[in-house]
């Protein structure tokens, strides 16, 4: 009648980001049609390669700002 907790604890469900985001989503279209490969070269002079802590990837930071602009997110907290 009731499933035991041991049976439920042994179950695994695998989910990928591709399954969660539809094929026609705006962000997929942006990724498909806009080439962001120019950004690392443009900002290379602002990043130190051998001094201090490793930085976040400037491409990731730019994409975060880009997405924030599209969705009206004005701060990192949002």
N, C-alpha and C. Protein backbone atom coordinates (compact mmCIF):
# COMPACT_ATOMS: atom_id res chain seq x y z
N UNK A 1 0.83 -1.18 0.00
CA UNK A 1 0.00 0.00 0.00
C UNK A 1 0.87 1.25 0.00
N UNK A 2 1.79 1.38 0.93
CA UNK A 2 2.68 2.53 1.01
C UNK A 2 4.08 2.14 0.52
N UNK A 3 4.72 3.03 -0.18
CA UNK A 3 6.11 2.79 -0.57
C UNK A 3 7.00 3.10 0.62
N UNK A 4 7.99 2.27 0.80
CA UNK A 4 8.90 2.53 1.91
C UNK A 4 9.82 3.69 1.55
N UNK A 5 10.36 4.37 2.56
CA UNK A 5 11.28 5.48 2.34
C UNK A 5 12.57 5.01 1.69
N UNK A 6 12.98 3.79 1.98
CA UNK A 6 14.22 3.27 1.40
C UNK A 6 14.11 3.17 -0.12
N UNK A 7 12.96 2.75 -0.62
CA UNK A 7 12.78 2.67 -2.07
C UNK A 7 12.83 4.07 -2.70
N UNK A 8 12.25 5.04 -2.08
CA UNK A 8 12.21 6.39 -2.63
C UNK A 8 13.59 7.06 -2.56
N UNK A 9 14.38 6.73 -1.56
CA UNK A 9 15.71 7.32 -1.43
C UNK A 9 16.66 6.82 -2.50
N UNK A 10 16.40 5.69 -3.07
CA UNK A 10 17.28 5.12 -4.07
C UNK A 10 16.94 5.59 -5.49
N UNK A 11 15.91 6.40 -5.65
CA UNK A 11 15.53 6.89 -6.97
C UNK A 11 16.35 8.11 -7.33
N UNK A 12 16.75 8.21 -8.61
CA UNK A 12 17.51 9.35 -9.11
C UNK A 12 16.81 9.88 -10.35
N UNK A 13 16.70 11.18 -10.42
CA UNK A 13 16.13 11.80 -11.62
C UNK A 13 17.18 12.76 -12.18
N UNK A 14 17.56 12.54 -13.42
CA UNK A 14 18.56 13.37 -14.08
C UNK A 14 17.84 14.40 -14.96
N UNK A 15 18.19 15.68 -14.77
CA UNK A 15 17.60 16.75 -15.55
C UNK A 15 18.74 17.61 -16.07
N UNK A 16 18.69 17.94 -17.35
CA UNK A 16 19.71 18.81 -17.93
C UNK A 16 19.09 20.16 -18.24
N UNK A 17 19.93 21.17 -18.38
CA UNK A 17 19.45 22.51 -18.68
C UNK A 17 18.76 22.54 -20.04
N UNK A 18 19.19 21.69 -20.96
CA UNK A 18 18.58 21.63 -22.28
C UNK A 18 17.13 21.18 -22.21
N UNK A 19 16.80 20.37 -21.25
CA UNK A 19 15.42 19.91 -21.08
C UNK A 19 14.54 21.00 -20.47
N UNK A 20 15.13 21.91 -19.72
CA UNK A 20 14.36 22.93 -19.02
C UNK A 20 14.10 24.18 -19.87
N UNK A 21 14.99 24.45 -20.83
CA UNK A 21 14.87 25.67 -21.64
C UNK A 21 14.35 25.29 -23.03
N UNK A 22 13.22 25.86 -23.44
CA UNK A 22 12.67 25.53 -24.75
C UNK A 22 13.61 25.94 -25.89
N UNK A 23 13.49 25.25 -27.02
CA UNK A 23 14.34 25.52 -28.18
C UNK A 23 14.15 26.93 -28.74
N UNK A 24 12.96 27.49 -28.62
CA UNK A 24 12.70 28.81 -29.18
C UNK A 24 12.84 29.95 -28.16
N UNK A 25 13.49 29.69 -27.04
CA UNK A 25 13.68 30.71 -26.00
C UNK A 25 14.61 31.82 -26.49
N UNK A 26 14.37 33.04 -26.06
CA UNK A 26 15.15 34.20 -26.48
C UNK A 26 16.64 34.01 -26.24
N UNK A 27 17.02 33.47 -25.10
CA UNK A 27 18.44 33.31 -24.78
C UNK A 27 19.12 32.29 -25.69
N UNK A 28 18.40 31.28 -26.13
CA UNK A 28 18.97 30.34 -27.10
C UNK A 28 19.21 31.03 -28.44
N UNK A 29 18.29 31.88 -28.83
CA UNK A 29 18.44 32.62 -30.09
C UNK A 29 19.64 33.56 -30.03
N UNK A 30 19.78 34.23 -28.91
CA UNK A 30 20.93 35.14 -28.74
C UNK A 30 22.22 34.35 -28.83
N UNK A 31 22.29 33.22 -28.16
CA UNK A 31 23.50 32.40 -28.17
C UNK A 31 23.80 31.87 -29.57
N UNK A 32 22.76 31.59 -30.33
CA UNK A 32 22.94 31.04 -31.66
C UNK A 32 23.43 32.09 -32.66
N UNK A 33 22.94 33.32 -32.56
CA UNK A 33 23.18 34.32 -33.60
C UNK A 33 24.21 35.39 -33.27
N UNK A 34 24.54 35.57 -32.00
CA UNK A 34 25.50 36.62 -31.64
C UNK A 34 26.82 35.97 -31.23
N UNK A 35 27.88 36.40 -31.86
CA UNK A 35 29.22 35.88 -31.56
C UNK A 35 29.90 36.80 -30.55
N UNK A 36 30.09 36.30 -29.34
CA UNK A 36 30.69 37.09 -28.27
C UNK A 36 32.20 36.87 -28.16
N UNK A 37 32.80 36.22 -29.11
CA UNK A 37 34.21 35.85 -29.01
C UNK A 37 35.16 37.06 -29.03
N UNK A 38 34.69 38.23 -29.40
CA UNK A 38 35.54 39.42 -29.43
C UNK A 38 35.78 40.00 -28.04
N UNK A 39 34.96 39.67 -27.08
CA UNK A 39 35.02 40.30 -25.76
C UNK A 39 36.32 40.00 -25.00
N UNK A 40 36.77 38.76 -24.90
CA UNK A 40 38.01 38.51 -24.14
C UNK A 40 39.21 39.31 -24.66
N UNK A 41 39.33 39.46 -25.96
CA UNK A 41 40.45 40.23 -26.51
C UNK A 41 40.32 41.72 -26.17
N UNK A 42 39.11 42.24 -26.18
CA UNK A 42 38.89 43.66 -25.88
C UNK A 42 39.24 44.01 -24.43
N UNK A 43 39.04 43.07 -23.50
CA UNK A 43 39.25 43.37 -22.08
C UNK A 43 40.54 42.78 -21.51
N UNK A 44 41.32 42.13 -22.34
CA UNK A 44 42.54 41.45 -21.88
C UNK A 44 43.48 42.39 -21.12
N UNK A 45 43.61 43.61 -21.55
CA UNK A 45 44.55 44.54 -20.90
C UNK A 45 44.11 44.95 -19.49
N UNK A 46 42.85 44.72 -19.14
CA UNK A 46 42.34 45.09 -17.82
C UNK A 46 42.49 43.97 -16.79
N UNK A 47 42.95 42.80 -17.21
CA UNK A 47 43.05 41.64 -16.32
C UNK A 47 44.51 41.23 -16.17
N UNK A 48 44.93 41.00 -14.94
CA UNK A 48 46.29 40.55 -14.67
C UNK A 48 46.33 39.02 -14.72
N UNK A 49 47.31 38.48 -15.42
CA UNK A 49 47.40 37.03 -15.54
C UNK A 49 48.18 36.39 -14.40
N UNK A 50 49.06 37.16 -13.73
CA UNK A 50 49.92 36.53 -12.73
C UNK A 50 49.90 37.24 -11.38
N UNK A 51 48.93 38.09 -11.14
CA UNK A 51 48.92 38.84 -9.89
C UNK A 51 47.50 38.81 -9.30
N UNK A 52 47.40 38.44 -8.04
CA UNK A 52 46.11 38.44 -7.37
C UNK A 52 45.31 37.17 -7.60
N UNK A 53 44.07 37.22 -7.16
CA UNK A 53 43.19 36.07 -7.31
C UNK A 53 42.72 35.94 -8.75
N UNK A 54 42.40 34.73 -9.17
CA UNK A 54 41.87 34.57 -10.53
C UNK A 54 40.53 35.29 -10.66
N UNK A 55 40.32 35.91 -11.79
CA UNK A 55 39.08 36.66 -11.99
C UNK A 55 38.01 35.77 -12.58
N UNK A 56 36.79 36.28 -12.54
CA UNK A 56 35.71 35.60 -13.26
C UNK A 56 35.91 35.82 -14.74
N UNK A 57 35.41 34.92 -15.53
CA UNK A 57 35.52 35.04 -16.97
C UNK A 57 34.77 36.30 -17.43
N UNK A 58 35.46 37.22 -18.11
CA UNK A 58 34.80 38.45 -18.55
C UNK A 58 33.63 38.18 -19.49
N UNK A 59 33.68 37.09 -20.22
CA UNK A 59 32.58 36.74 -21.11
C UNK A 59 31.32 36.43 -20.30
N UNK A 60 31.49 35.72 -19.20
CA UNK A 60 30.35 35.40 -18.33
C UNK A 60 29.78 36.69 -17.72
N UNK A 61 30.65 37.58 -17.28
CA UNK A 61 30.18 38.84 -16.70
C UNK A 61 29.41 39.66 -17.73
N UNK A 62 29.92 39.71 -18.96
CA UNK A 62 29.23 40.46 -20.00
C UNK A 62 27.86 39.86 -20.30
N UNK A 63 27.80 38.54 -20.39
CA UNK A 63 26.52 37.89 -20.67
C UNK A 63 25.52 38.11 -19.54
N UNK A 64 26.01 38.14 -18.30
CA UNK A 64 25.12 38.43 -17.17
C UNK A 64 24.53 39.84 -17.30
N UNK A 65 25.34 40.80 -17.68
CA UNK A 65 24.85 42.16 -17.87
C UNK A 65 23.87 42.23 -19.05
N UNK A 66 24.18 41.51 -20.09
CA UNK A 66 23.35 41.46 -21.30
C UNK A 66 21.95 40.91 -20.96
N UNK A 67 21.92 39.79 -20.25
CA UNK A 67 20.65 39.18 -19.85
C UNK A 67 19.90 40.10 -18.90
N UNK A 68 20.62 40.74 -17.97
CA UNK A 68 19.99 41.68 -17.05
C UNK A 68 19.33 42.83 -17.78
N UNK A 69 19.95 43.32 -18.84
CA UNK A 69 19.37 44.39 -19.63
C UNK A 69 18.08 43.93 -20.31
N UNK A 70 18.09 42.74 -20.90
CA UNK A 70 16.90 42.23 -21.59
C UNK A 70 15.73 41.99 -20.65
N UNK A 71 16.02 41.53 -19.45
CA UNK A 71 14.95 41.18 -18.52
C UNK A 71 14.69 42.26 -17.46
N UNK A 72 15.33 43.40 -17.58
CA UNK A 72 15.08 44.51 -16.66
C UNK A 72 15.60 44.25 -15.26
N UNK A 73 16.64 43.44 -15.13
CA UNK A 73 17.24 43.16 -13.83
C UNK A 73 18.29 44.23 -13.58
N UNK A 74 18.09 45.05 -12.56
CA UNK A 74 18.94 46.20 -12.34
C UNK A 74 20.06 45.97 -11.32
N UNK A 75 20.04 44.83 -10.65
CA UNK A 75 21.08 44.58 -9.67
C UNK A 75 21.37 43.08 -9.60
N UNK A 76 22.50 42.72 -9.01
CA UNK A 76 22.84 41.31 -8.87
C UNK A 76 21.90 40.59 -7.90
N UNK A 77 21.34 41.32 -6.98
CA UNK A 77 20.43 40.70 -6.01
C UNK A 77 19.14 40.24 -6.65
N UNK A 78 18.72 40.93 -7.69
CA UNK A 78 17.48 40.53 -8.37
C UNK A 78 17.73 39.28 -9.16
